[in-house]
Amino acid sequence: MSRKLFVNLPVRDLKTSMAFFEKLGFSFNPQFTDDSAACMVISEENFAMLLSHERLKDFTPKAIADATKTTEVLVAISCENRDVVDAMVHAAIENGGSALREASDYGFMYAHSFQDPDGHIWEPFWMDPDRVQG
């Protein structure tokens, strides 16, 4: 059985978050999107549910972390190559996100990071298939 991953992230302004991620090239599944939640398609099997704080409270009794002050999660997302990694970070910064740290080249993997408008940390990366297999 193939599993699907749904990462649920609280957002302060759903429309702003959707516009931000659309500018990074992501789309949304209208079947699971309304005024309080948006299903962002990352891949055929992976999704991010962007949920208003009010909507997320329906799913957890715990306080919602302020991602601008604490790290709640690091969302790593694979890319086709190094250029796509850099392009995603550049687009994020140009469209309301912020830089987190400089790019890292580990030889077998190249990674960079940004924060979305709510402070969630996204880490696009590329792994060299030849070096990983070796």
N, C-alpha and C. Protein backbone atom coordinates (compact mmCIF):
# COMPACT_ATOMS: atom_id res chain seq x y z
N MET A 1 0.84 -1.19 0.00
CA MET A 1 0.00 0.00 0.00
C MET A 1 0.88 1.24 0.00
N SER A 2 0.58 2.14 -0.88
CA SER A 2 1.27 3.41 -0.93
C SER A 2 0.66 4.34 0.11
N ARG A 3 1.51 5.00 0.88
CA ARG A 3 1.02 5.93 1.90
C ARG A 3 1.11 7.36 1.39
N LYS A 4 0.18 8.17 1.84
CA LYS A 4 0.21 9.59 1.54
C LYS A 4 0.57 10.32 2.82
N LEU A 5 1.28 11.43 2.67
CA LEU A 5 1.66 12.24 3.81
C LEU A 5 0.94 13.58 3.74
N PHE A 6 0.28 13.94 4.84
CA PHE A 6 -0.38 15.23 4.97
C PHE A 6 0.25 15.94 6.17
N VAL A 7 1.04 16.96 5.92
CA VAL A 7 1.62 17.77 6.98
C VAL A 7 0.63 18.91 7.24
N ASN A 8 0.21 19.08 8.48
CA ASN A 8 -0.75 20.12 8.84
C ASN A 8 -0.01 21.29 9.46
N LEU A 9 -0.16 22.47 8.84
CA LEU A 9 0.55 23.66 9.31
C LEU A 9 -0.44 24.78 9.61
N PRO A 10 -0.32 25.40 10.78
CA PRO A 10 -1.18 26.53 11.10
C PRO A 10 -0.72 27.79 10.35
N VAL A 11 -1.67 28.54 9.84
CA VAL A 11 -1.35 29.80 9.16
C VAL A 11 -2.26 30.91 9.68
N ARG A 12 -1.70 32.10 9.77
CA ARG A 12 -2.47 33.25 10.26
C ARG A 12 -3.45 33.78 9.22
N ASP A 13 -3.03 33.78 7.95
CA ASP A 13 -3.86 34.31 6.87
C ASP A 13 -3.82 33.31 5.71
N LEU A 14 -4.87 32.55 5.57
CA LEU A 14 -4.90 31.46 4.59
C LEU A 14 -4.69 31.97 3.16
N LYS A 15 -5.35 33.05 2.79
CA LYS A 15 -5.20 33.57 1.42
C LYS A 15 -3.77 34.02 1.13
N THR A 16 -3.14 34.67 2.11
CA THR A 16 -1.75 35.09 1.94
C THR A 16 -0.85 33.88 1.77
N SER A 17 -1.05 32.85 2.58
CA SER A 17 -0.23 31.64 2.49
C SER A 17 -0.44 30.93 1.16
N MET A 18 -1.67 30.85 0.72
CA MET A 18 -1.94 30.20 -0.57
C MET A 18 -1.27 30.97 -1.70
N ALA A 19 -1.37 32.28 -1.70
CA ALA A 19 -0.75 33.10 -2.75
C ALA A 19 0.77 32.91 -2.74
N PHE A 20 1.36 32.87 -1.54
CA PHE A 20 2.80 32.67 -1.40
C PHE A 20 3.22 31.35 -2.05
N PHE A 21 2.56 30.26 -1.70
CA PHE A 21 2.96 28.95 -2.22
C PHE A 21 2.62 28.79 -3.70
N GLU A 22 1.57 29.44 -4.17
CA GLU A 22 1.29 29.41 -5.61
C GLU A 22 2.43 30.06 -6.38
N LYS A 23 3.02 31.12 -5.84
CA LYS A 23 4.16 31.79 -6.49
C LYS A 23 5.41 30.92 -6.48
N LEU A 24 5.43 29.91 -5.64
CA LEU A 24 6.55 28.95 -5.63
C LEU A 24 6.27 27.76 -6.55
N GLY A 25 5.10 27.76 -7.19
CA GLY A 25 4.77 26.72 -8.16
C GLY A 25 3.88 25.61 -7.65
N PHE A 26 3.37 25.74 -6.42
CA PHE A 26 2.49 24.70 -5.88
C PHE A 26 1.04 24.99 -6.25
N SER A 27 0.25 23.93 -6.31
CA SER A 27 -1.18 24.07 -6.59
C SER A 27 -1.97 23.57 -5.39
N PHE A 28 -3.28 23.76 -5.44
CA PHE A 28 -4.15 23.36 -4.34
C PHE A 28 -5.27 22.48 -4.86
N ASN A 29 -5.61 21.46 -4.08
CA ASN A 29 -6.71 20.58 -4.43
C ASN A 29 -8.00 21.22 -3.94
N PRO A 30 -8.85 21.67 -4.87
CA PRO A 30 -10.07 22.37 -4.46
C PRO A 30 -11.04 21.50 -3.67
N GLN A 31 -10.94 20.19 -3.82
CA GLN A 31 -11.82 19.28 -3.10
C GLN A 31 -11.61 19.38 -1.59
N PHE A 32 -10.40 19.74 -1.17
CA PHE A 32 -10.08 19.83 0.26
C PHE A 32 -9.63 21.23 0.65
N THR A 33 -10.19 22.22 -0.03
CA THR A 33 -9.84 23.61 0.24
C THR A 33 -11.11 24.42 0.44
N ASP A 34 -11.12 25.21 1.51
CA ASP A 34 -12.25 26.10 1.76
C ASP A 34 -11.73 27.36 2.45
N ASP A 35 -12.57 28.07 3.16
CA ASP A 35 -12.16 29.32 3.81
C ASP A 35 -11.29 29.11 5.04
N SER A 36 -11.19 27.88 5.53
CA SER A 36 -10.41 27.63 6.75
C SER A 36 -9.24 26.67 6.54
N ALA A 37 -9.17 26.05 5.36
CA ALA A 37 -8.11 25.07 5.10
C ALA A 37 -7.83 24.99 3.60
N ALA A 38 -6.57 24.68 3.28
CA ALA A 38 -6.19 24.53 1.88
C ALA A 38 -5.25 23.34 1.77
N CYS A 39 -5.53 22.47 0.81
CA CYS A 39 -4.72 21.28 0.59
C CYS A 39 -3.70 21.58 -0.51
N MET A 40 -2.46 21.86 -0.10
CA MET A 40 -1.39 22.15 -1.04
C MET A 40 -0.79 20.85 -1.56
N VAL A 41 -0.74 20.72 -2.87
CA VAL A 41 -0.20 19.52 -3.50
C VAL A 41 1.31 19.67 -3.64
N ILE A 42 2.05 18.81 -2.94
CA ILE A 42 3.51 18.81 -3.05
C ILE A 42 3.93 17.80 -4.11
N SER A 43 3.28 16.65 -4.09
CA SER A 43 3.50 15.62 -5.11
C SER A 43 2.26 14.74 -5.12
N GLU A 44 2.30 13.69 -5.91
CA GLU A 44 1.17 12.77 -6.01
C GLU A 44 0.80 12.14 -4.67
N GLU A 45 1.77 11.99 -3.79
CA GLU A 45 1.56 11.31 -2.52
C GLU A 45 1.75 12.21 -1.28
N ASN A 46 2.12 13.47 -1.49
CA ASN A 46 2.47 14.34 -0.36
C ASN A 46 1.75 15.68 -0.44
N PHE A 47 1.23 16.10 0.70
CA PHE A 47 0.42 17.31 0.75
C PHE A 47 0.72 18.09 2.03
N ALA A 48 0.48 19.38 1.97
CA ALA A 48 0.54 20.21 3.18
C ALA A 48 -0.85 20.81 3.35
N MET A 49 -1.44 20.56 4.48
CA MET A 49 -2.72 21.18 4.80
C MET A 49 -2.43 22.49 5.53
N LEU A 50 -2.75 23.58 4.88
CA LEU A 50 -2.60 24.88 5.51
C LEU A 50 -3.91 25.18 6.21
N LEU A 51 -3.85 25.29 7.53
CA LEU A 51 -5.07 25.42 8.33
C LEU A 51 -5.07 26.73 9.12
N SER A 52 -6.21 27.42 9.09
CA SER A 52 -6.33 28.59 9.95
C SER A 52 -6.16 28.12 11.39
N HIS A 53 -5.75 29.02 12.26
CA HIS A 53 -5.58 28.64 13.67
C HIS A 53 -6.88 28.09 14.24
N GLU A 54 -7.99 28.71 13.87
CA GLU A 54 -9.29 28.24 14.37
C GLU A 54 -9.57 26.81 13.92
N ARG A 55 -9.25 26.51 12.68
CA ARG A 55 -9.50 25.16 12.15
C ARG A 55 -8.58 24.13 12.79
N LEU A 56 -7.30 24.49 12.98
CA LEU A 56 -6.37 23.56 13.58
C LEU A 56 -6.78 23.20 15.01
N LYS A 57 -7.40 24.13 15.70
CA LYS A 57 -7.86 23.87 17.07
C LYS A 57 -8.90 22.76 17.13
N ASP A 58 -9.54 22.46 15.99
CA ASP A 58 -10.49 21.34 15.93
C ASP A 58 -9.77 20.00 16.05
N PHE A 59 -8.46 19.98 15.80
CA PHE A 59 -7.71 18.73 15.74
C PHE A 59 -6.76 18.52 16.91
N THR A 60 -6.53 19.54 17.72
CA THR A 60 -5.57 19.38 18.82
C THR A 60 -5.98 20.23 20.03
N PRO A 61 -5.82 19.67 21.23
CA PRO A 61 -6.08 20.45 22.44
C PRO A 61 -4.87 21.28 22.85
N LYS A 62 -3.72 21.07 22.18
CA LYS A 62 -2.49 21.76 22.55
C LYS A 62 -2.46 23.17 21.97
N ALA A 63 -1.65 24.02 22.59
CA ALA A 63 -1.45 25.37 22.09
C ALA A 63 -0.75 25.31 20.73
N ILE A 64 -1.03 26.25 19.88
CA ILE A 64 -0.40 26.32 18.56
C ILE A 64 0.90 27.09 18.70
N ALA A 65 1.98 26.48 18.23
CA ALA A 65 3.30 27.10 18.32
C ALA A 65 3.37 28.33 17.41
N ASP A 66 4.10 29.33 17.87
CA ASP A 66 4.39 30.50 17.04
C ASP A 66 5.70 30.20 16.34
N ALA A 67 5.62 29.81 15.07
CA ALA A 67 6.80 29.37 14.32
C ALA A 67 7.78 30.51 14.08
N THR A 68 7.38 31.76 14.32
CA THR A 68 8.34 32.86 14.19
C THR A 68 9.26 32.93 15.40
N LYS A 69 8.90 32.22 16.48
CA LYS A 69 9.70 32.26 17.71
C LYS A 69 10.31 30.93 18.09
N THR A 70 9.69 29.84 17.70
CA THR A 70 10.20 28.51 18.02
C THR A 70 10.18 27.65 16.77
N THR A 71 11.01 26.63 16.76
CA THR A 71 10.99 25.69 15.63
C THR A 71 10.04 24.57 15.97
N GLU A 72 9.00 24.44 15.17
CA GLU A 72 8.03 23.38 15.38
C GLU A 72 8.30 22.21 14.46
N VAL A 73 8.83 22.49 13.27
CA VAL A 73 9.06 21.45 12.28
C VAL A 73 9.99 22.00 11.21
N LEU A 74 10.76 21.12 10.59
CA LEU A 74 11.54 21.46 9.41
C LEU A 74 10.94 20.63 8.28
N VAL A 75 10.44 21.28 7.26
CA VAL A 75 9.83 20.56 6.14
C VAL A 75 10.85 20.49 5.01
N ALA A 76 11.43 19.31 4.84
CA ALA A 76 12.42 19.09 3.77
C ALA A 76 11.68 18.63 2.53
N ILE A 77 12.05 19.22 1.40
CA ILE A 77 11.35 18.90 0.15
C ILE A 77 12.39 18.70 -0.96
N SER A 78 12.34 17.55 -1.60
CA SER A 78 13.33 17.23 -2.63
C SER A 78 13.06 18.02 -3.91
N CYS A 79 14.14 18.31 -4.62
CA CYS A 79 14.08 19.05 -5.88
C CYS A 79 14.87 18.30 -6.95
N GLU A 80 14.61 18.63 -8.20
CA GLU A 80 15.24 17.94 -9.33
C GLU A 80 16.74 18.18 -9.42
N ASN A 81 17.19 19.39 -9.03
CA ASN A 81 18.61 19.72 -9.12
C ASN A 81 18.90 20.95 -8.26
N ARG A 82 20.16 21.32 -8.20
CA ARG A 82 20.59 22.45 -7.37
C ARG A 82 19.93 23.76 -7.81
N ASP A 83 19.79 23.94 -9.13
CA ASP A 83 19.18 25.18 -9.63
C ASP A 83 17.75 25.33 -9.14
N VAL A 84 17.01 24.24 -9.08
CA VAL A 84 15.63 24.29 -8.61
C VAL A 84 15.60 24.62 -7.12
N VAL A 85 16.55 24.09 -6.36
CA VAL A 85 16.66 24.43 -4.94
C VAL A 85 16.82 25.94 -4.79
N ASP A 86 17.81 26.49 -5.48
CA ASP A 86 18.07 27.93 -5.38
C ASP A 86 16.91 28.76 -5.90
N ALA A 87 16.27 28.31 -6.97
CA ALA A 87 15.13 29.06 -7.53
C ALA A 87 13.97 29.10 -6.54
N MET A 88 13.72 27.99 -5.84
CA MET A 88 12.62 27.97 -4.87
C MET A 88 12.91 28.93 -3.72
N VAL A 89 14.12 28.93 -3.21
CA VAL A 89 14.48 29.83 -2.11
C VAL A 89 14.39 31.28 -2.59
N HIS A 90 14.89 31.56 -3.77
CA HIS A 90 14.83 32.92 -4.32
C HIS A 90 13.37 33.37 -4.46
N ALA A 91 12.52 32.51 -5.02
CA ALA A 91 11.10 32.85 -5.18
C ALA A 91 10.43 33.08 -3.83
N ALA A 92 10.79 32.28 -2.84
CA ALA A 92 10.22 32.44 -1.51
C ALA A 92 10.57 33.82 -0.94
N ILE A 93 11.82 34.19 -1.03
CA ILE A 93 12.27 35.48 -0.49
C ILE A 93 11.63 36.64 -1.26
N GLU A 94 11.53 36.50 -2.57
CA GLU A 94 10.92 37.55 -3.40
C GLU A 94 9.43 37.73 -3.14
N ASN A 95 8.78 36.72 -2.58
CA ASN A 95 7.32 36.75 -2.44
C ASN A 95 6.82 36.72 -1.00
N GLY A 96 7.62 37.21 -0.08
CA GLY A 96 7.14 37.36 1.29
C GLY A 96 7.73 36.42 2.31
N GLY A 97 8.55 35.48 1.88
CA GLY A 97 9.25 34.61 2.82
C GLY A 97 10.54 35.28 3.26
N SER A 98 11.32 34.58 4.06
CA SER A 98 12.59 35.14 4.50
C SER A 98 13.67 34.08 4.48
N ALA A 99 14.90 34.54 4.28
CA ALA A 99 16.04 33.63 4.28
C ALA A 99 16.27 33.13 5.71
N LEU A 100 16.73 31.92 5.83
CA LEU A 100 17.01 31.37 7.15
C LEU A 100 18.51 31.20 7.35
N ARG A 101 19.16 30.59 6.37
CA ARG A 101 20.61 30.40 6.43
C ARG A 101 21.13 30.22 5.02
N GLU A 102 22.44 30.23 4.90
CA GLU A 102 23.07 30.05 3.59
C GLU A 102 22.91 28.60 3.12
N ALA A 103 23.08 28.41 1.83
CA ALA A 103 23.03 27.06 1.26
C ALA A 103 24.17 26.21 1.82
N SER A 104 23.94 24.91 1.89
CA SER A 104 24.94 23.96 2.36
C SER A 104 25.20 22.92 1.28
N ASP A 105 26.46 22.69 0.99
CA ASP A 105 26.84 21.67 0.01
C ASP A 105 27.58 20.56 0.75
N TYR A 106 26.95 19.41 0.86
CA TYR A 106 27.52 18.28 1.58
C TYR A 106 28.19 17.28 0.64
N GLY A 107 28.34 17.66 -0.61
CA GLY A 107 28.92 16.75 -1.60
C GLY A 107 27.85 15.88 -2.23
N PHE A 108 27.24 15.00 -1.45
CA PHE A 108 26.18 14.14 -1.96
C PHE A 108 24.82 14.82 -1.94
N MET A 109 24.74 15.96 -1.20
CA MET A 109 23.46 16.66 -1.06
C MET A 109 23.70 18.16 -1.01
N TYR A 110 22.80 18.90 -1.64
CA TYR A 110 22.83 20.36 -1.63
C TYR A 110 21.51 20.82 -1.04
N ALA A 111 21.56 21.68 -0.03
CA ALA A 111 20.34 22.11 0.66
C ALA A 111 20.37 23.61 0.93
N HIS A 112 19.19 24.17 1.00
CA HIS A 112 19.02 25.58 1.31
C HIS A 112 17.75 25.68 2.15
N SER A 113 17.43 26.86 2.66
CA SER A 113 16.22 26.96 3.47
C SER A 113 15.62 28.35 3.42
N PHE A 114 14.32 28.40 3.74
CA PHE A 114 13.61 29.66 3.87
C PHE A 114 12.50 29.49 4.87
N GLN A 115 11.97 30.61 5.32
CA GLN A 115 10.79 30.60 6.18
C GLN A 115 9.62 31.15 5.38
N ASP A 116 8.45 30.53 5.50
CA ASP A 116 7.26 31.05 4.84
C ASP A 116 6.73 32.23 5.67
N PRO A 117 5.67 32.90 5.23
CA PRO A 117 5.17 34.07 5.97
C PRO A 117 4.79 33.79 7.43
N ASP A 118 4.52 32.52 7.77
CA ASP A 118 4.17 32.17 9.15
C ASP A 118 5.38 31.71 9.96
N GLY A 119 6.55 31.68 9.35
CA GLY A 119 7.75 31.27 10.06
C GLY A 119 8.08 29.80 9.99
N HIS A 120 7.27 29.00 9.27
CA HIS A 120 7.58 27.58 9.11
C HIS A 120 8.85 27.47 8.26
N ILE A 121 9.71 26.55 8.62
CA ILE A 121 10.98 26.37 7.92
C ILE A 121 10.83 25.31 6.84
N TRP A 122 11.18 25.69 5.62
CA TRP A 122 11.17 24.79 4.47
C TRP A 122 12.60 24.62 4.01
N GLU A 123 12.99 23.39 3.72
CA GLU A 123 14.35 23.09 3.30
C GLU A 123 14.36 22.33 1.98
N PRO A 124 14.35 23.05 0.86
CA PRO A 124 14.50 22.36 -0.42
C PRO A 124 15.91 21.78 -0.53
N PHE A 125 16.01 20.57 -1.08
CA PHE A 125 17.31 19.93 -1.21
C PHE A 125 17.36 19.08 -2.47
N TRP A 126 18.58 18.80 -2.91
CA TRP A 126 18.84 17.91 -4.02
C TRP A 126 19.91 16.93 -3.60
N MET A 127 19.68 15.66 -3.89
CA MET A 127 20.69 14.64 -3.60
C MET A 127 21.23 14.09 -4.92
N ASP A 128 22.54 14.01 -5.02
CA ASP A 128 23.22 13.50 -6.21
C ASP A 128 23.02 11.98 -6.26
N PRO A 129 22.24 11.49 -7.21
CA PRO A 129 21.94 10.06 -7.24
C PRO A 129 23.19 9.18 -7.39
N ASP A 130 24.19 9.66 -8.11
CA ASP A 130 25.41 8.87 -8.28
C ASP A 130 26.17 8.72 -6.97
N ARG A 131 26.21 9.77 -6.18
CA ARG A 131 26.96 9.72 -4.94
C ARG A 131 26.18 9.00 -3.85
N VAL A 132 24.85 9.06 -3.88
CA VAL A 132 24.04 8.37 -2.89
C VAL A 132 24.11 6.86 -3.12
N GLN A 133 24.01 6.44 -4.38
CA GLN A 133 24.06 5.01 -4.70
C GLN A 133 25.42 4.40 -4.42
N GLY A 134 26.47 5.22 -4.58
CA GLY A 134 27.84 4.72 -4.38
C GLY A 134 28.13 4.59 -2.93
